[in-house]
């Protein structure tokens, strides 16, 4: 009789193990699908939201163009390119007058620089998810005006 209980008990244990494995497998599949959904939503959120094809502007031999604008997390990120054949662009004061919709420039980060500072790609960061007039100023003499 003890042997019968042991076999019966083993069947219950096997059933419980199989049930537990099934639940874990289904839970893992469900979580994997949730992660895929989250990743796709994240990609949509981080897509550029405006201003990819704004025309370039040239002031006194320096050409500036807005490449991309992204708004996320209460910030606005603007990628710009600047090119010329006379000046080292790294030597200009970009902070004192650059603003977006009146908000001052919070962070300026060089993404790519080449040929003695004559060609520059940079990211500007402004606090707030903003749109409107971007004033990109290189000192007092080289001022670009974009509408984002």
Foldseek 3Di string as FASTA:
>chain_A
DVVVVVVVVVVVVVVVVVVVVVVVVVVVVVVVVVVVVVVVVVVVQFDFDDAQDDDWDDAPFKIKGWHTWHDDDQKIKIKMKIAGDPDQLVPFDFFPPWDAPPFGFDDKAWPDADDNNRITIIMTMTGGRGFAWTWGDRHPRDIDIDGD
